[in-house]
Amino acid sequence: MDFLRFFRNLLEEILLRKIRYFENEDKPKMLTKKIFLLLGTILILLGCNNQPSKPKDAIDEATMAKILAEIHITEARVSRLSFQAYDSTKVVYKFYEQQIMAKYKTDTARYRASYNYYVTNPEQMTKLYEQVIKNIEELKKKKKLAY
C-alpha cells in the first residue's frame, strides 16, 4: 500500500510540475503574440493613411505630361538600338534623360518627387497619362514617328 501511495504522489507531483511549466511558458508566448499583432495592426493603419502631400516644387501636370511623353519615346528609341552590352544602353538613356531634364529646366530629383506624388494619386495619374498619350500622338504627326 505504501508503494502505491508513494507512486501515486510521485505521478501527481510530476504532472503538477509539467502543468505549471506549460502554463508559465504559454503566458510569455501569448503576450509576445499579442504585442506583435498590436504592432502589426498599428503599422498597417499608419501605412494605409499616409498619403504624401504635393511637393512644393512639383512639376505641373502639363509639363510633366510632356516630360513623360519624351521619356517614353526615348526609352523606345534606346531599346531599339542594338548594343551588345546592357550598360551601353543605360549610358545612352541617361544621356538623353539629362537632355530632356535640361530642356524642361528640371532635375531628376524634382522629377522623381513629382512622379512619386502623381503615382500615389491615381485620378491625377490617369489624367496625366491621357495627356501623355495626346502628346505622343501630336509628336507622331509632327515628326512622323514610326511607332
Protein backbone atom coordinates (compact mmCIF):
# COMPACT_ATOMS: atom_id res chain seq x y z
CA MET A 1 0.00 0.00 0.00
CA ASP A 2 2.75 2.42 0.82
CA PHE A 3 4.35 1.74 -2.51
CA LEU A 4 1.14 2.58 -4.39
CA ARG A 5 0.60 5.73 -2.34
CA PHE A 6 4.22 6.79 -2.97
CA PHE A 7 3.91 6.08 -6.69
CA ARG A 8 0.59 7.96 -6.91
CA ASN A 9 2.03 11.02 -5.09
CA LEU A 10 5.07 10.94 -7.36
CA LEU A 11 2.92 10.92 -10.50
CA GLU A 12 0.73 13.73 -9.18
CA GLU A 13 3.78 15.85 -8.39
CA ILE A 14 5.31 15.22 -11.83
CA LEU A 15 2.04 16.08 -13.56
CA LEU A 16 1.57 19.23 -11.48
CA ARG A 17 5.11 20.37 -12.30
CA LYS A 18 4.53 19.77 -16.00
CA ILE A 19 1.24 21.66 -15.91
CA ARG A 20 2.84 24.60 -14.08
CA TYR A 21 5.76 24.58 -16.52
CA PHE A 22 3.50 24.73 -19.58
CA GLU A 23 1.19 27.32 -18.01
CA ASN A 24 4.13 29.62 -17.29
CA GLU A 25 5.66 29.05 -20.72
CA ASP A 26 2.46 29.88 -22.61
CA LYS A 27 1.98 33.26 -20.94
CA PRO A 28 5.11 34.89 -22.46
CA LYS A 29 4.30 33.35 -25.84
CA MET A 30 0.77 34.70 -25.77
CA LEU A 31 1.98 38.11 -24.63
CA THR A 32 4.55 38.17 -27.44
CA LYS A 33 1.90 37.19 -29.99
CA LYS A 34 -0.43 39.95 -28.75
CA ILE A 35 2.35 42.54 -28.91
CA PHE A 36 3.27 41.56 -32.49
CA LEU A 37 -0.38 41.58 -33.50
CA LEU A 38 -0.88 45.03 -32.00
CA LEU A 39 2.29 46.43 -33.62
CA GLY A 40 1.36 44.89 -36.97
CA THR A 41 -2.10 46.44 -36.83
CA ILE A 42 -0.68 49.86 -35.95
CA LEU A 43 1.85 49.71 -38.79
CA ILE A 44 -0.80 48.71 -41.31
CA LEU A 45 -3.10 51.52 -40.22
CA LEU A 46 -0.31 54.09 -40.37
CA GLY A 47 0.86 52.82 -43.74
CA CYS A 48 -2.58 52.96 -45.32
CA ASN A 49 -3.42 56.50 -44.23
CA ASN A 50 -0.13 58.11 -45.18
CA GLN A 51 -0.77 59.98 -48.41
CA PRO A 52 2.13 62.22 -49.35
CA SER A 53 1.38 65.86 -49.87
CA LYS A 54 2.22 67.59 -53.10
CA PRO A 55 5.86 68.71 -53.09
CA LYS A 56 6.23 72.49 -53.06
CA ASP A 57 8.38 72.40 -56.19
CA ALA A 58 6.30 69.77 -58.00
CA ILE A 59 6.21 69.86 -61.77
CA ASP A 60 2.81 70.94 -63.10
CA GLU A 61 0.69 68.39 -64.96
CA ALA A 62 1.16 69.83 -68.44
CA THR A 63 4.96 69.92 -68.19
CA MET A 64 5.04 66.50 -66.51
CA ALA A 65 2.97 65.07 -69.37
CA LYS A 66 5.45 66.47 -71.92
CA ILE A 67 8.42 65.09 -69.96
CA LEU A 68 6.81 61.65 -69.64
CA ALA A 69 5.96 61.57 -73.35
CA GLU A 70 9.54 62.35 -74.29
CA ILE A 71 10.89 59.85 -71.77
CA HIS A 72 8.70 57.07 -73.15
CA ILE A 73 9.73 57.89 -76.71
CA THR A 74 13.38 57.95 -75.65
CA GLU A 75 13.02 54.58 -73.91
CA ALA A 76 11.54 53.12 -77.09
CA ARG A 77 14.32 54.55 -79.26
CA VAL A 78 17.09 53.37 -76.95
CA SER A 79 15.58 49.89 -76.67
CA ARG A 80 15.69 49.64 -80.48
CA LEU A 81 19.42 50.36 -80.55
CA SER A 82 21.40 47.18 -80.89
CA PHE A 83 24.07 47.48 -78.24
CA GLN A 84 25.72 44.30 -77.13
CA ALA A 85 26.07 45.40 -73.53
CA TYR A 86 23.16 46.48 -71.35
CA ASP A 87 25.43 49.06 -69.70
CA SER A 88 25.82 50.89 -73.02
CA THR A 89 22.06 51.18 -73.33
CA LYS A 90 21.85 52.63 -69.83
CA VAL A 91 24.55 55.21 -70.60
CA VAL A 92 22.77 56.34 -73.77
CA TYR A 93 19.43 56.52 -71.96
CA LYS A 94 20.93 58.56 -69.09
CA PHE A 95 22.41 60.98 -71.65
CA TYR A 96 19.03 61.50 -73.34
CA GLU A 97 17.29 61.74 -69.97
CA GLN A 98 19.64 64.55 -68.91
CA GLN A 99 18.87 66.37 -72.17
CA ILE A 100 15.13 66.07 -71.51
CA MET A 101 15.53 67.37 -67.96
CA ALA A 102 17.66 70.30 -69.19
CA LYS A 103 15.08 71.10 -71.87
CA TYR A 104 12.37 71.46 -69.23
CA LYS A 105 14.70 73.13 -66.71
CA THR A 106 14.33 70.49 -64.01
CA ASP A 107 16.46 67.79 -62.43
CA THR A 108 15.91 64.12 -61.78
CA ALA A 109 15.28 64.62 -58.04
CA ARG A 110 12.44 67.07 -58.72
CA TYR A 111 11.11 64.82 -61.48
CA ARG A 112 11.13 61.75 -59.23
CA ALA A 113 9.46 63.58 -56.34
CA SER A 114 6.73 64.81 -58.68
CA TYR A 115 6.34 61.39 -60.27
CA ASN A 116 6.01 59.73 -56.84
CA TYR A 117 3.33 62.24 -55.92
CA TYR A 118 1.34 61.59 -59.11
CA VAL A 119 1.69 57.80 -58.67
CA THR A 120 0.07 57.98 -55.24
CA ASN A 121 -2.91 59.88 -56.70
CA PRO A 122 -4.48 57.54 -59.28
CA GLU A 123 -7.02 60.07 -60.57
CA GLN A 124 -4.33 62.64 -61.34
CA MET A 125 -2.09 59.95 -62.83
CA THR A 126 -4.90 58.85 -65.15
CA LYS A 127 -5.43 62.43 -66.33
CA LEU A 128 -1.68 62.84 -66.70
CA TYR A 129 -1.32 59.76 -68.90
CA GLU A 130 -4.28 60.79 -71.03
CA GLN A 131 -2.30 63.96 -71.74
CA VAL A 132 0.87 61.89 -72.32
CA ILE A 133 -0.94 59.85 -74.97
CA LYS A 134 -2.18 63.06 -76.66
CA ASN A 135 1.37 64.47 -76.62
CA ILE A 136 2.78 61.30 -78.18
CA GLU A 137 0.08 61.41 -80.87
CA GLU A 138 0.98 65.04 -81.63
CA LEU A 139 4.67 64.15 -81.83
CA LYS A 140 3.81 61.31 -84.21
CA LYS A 141 2.03 63.75 -86.51
CA LYS A 142 4.78 66.39 -86.36
CA LYS A 143 7.85 64.20 -86.63
CA LYS A 144 6.22 61.20 -88.26
CA LEU A 145 7.40 58.84 -85.57
CA ALA A 146 7.28 55.19 -86.56
CA TYR A 147 5.56 53.58 -83.57
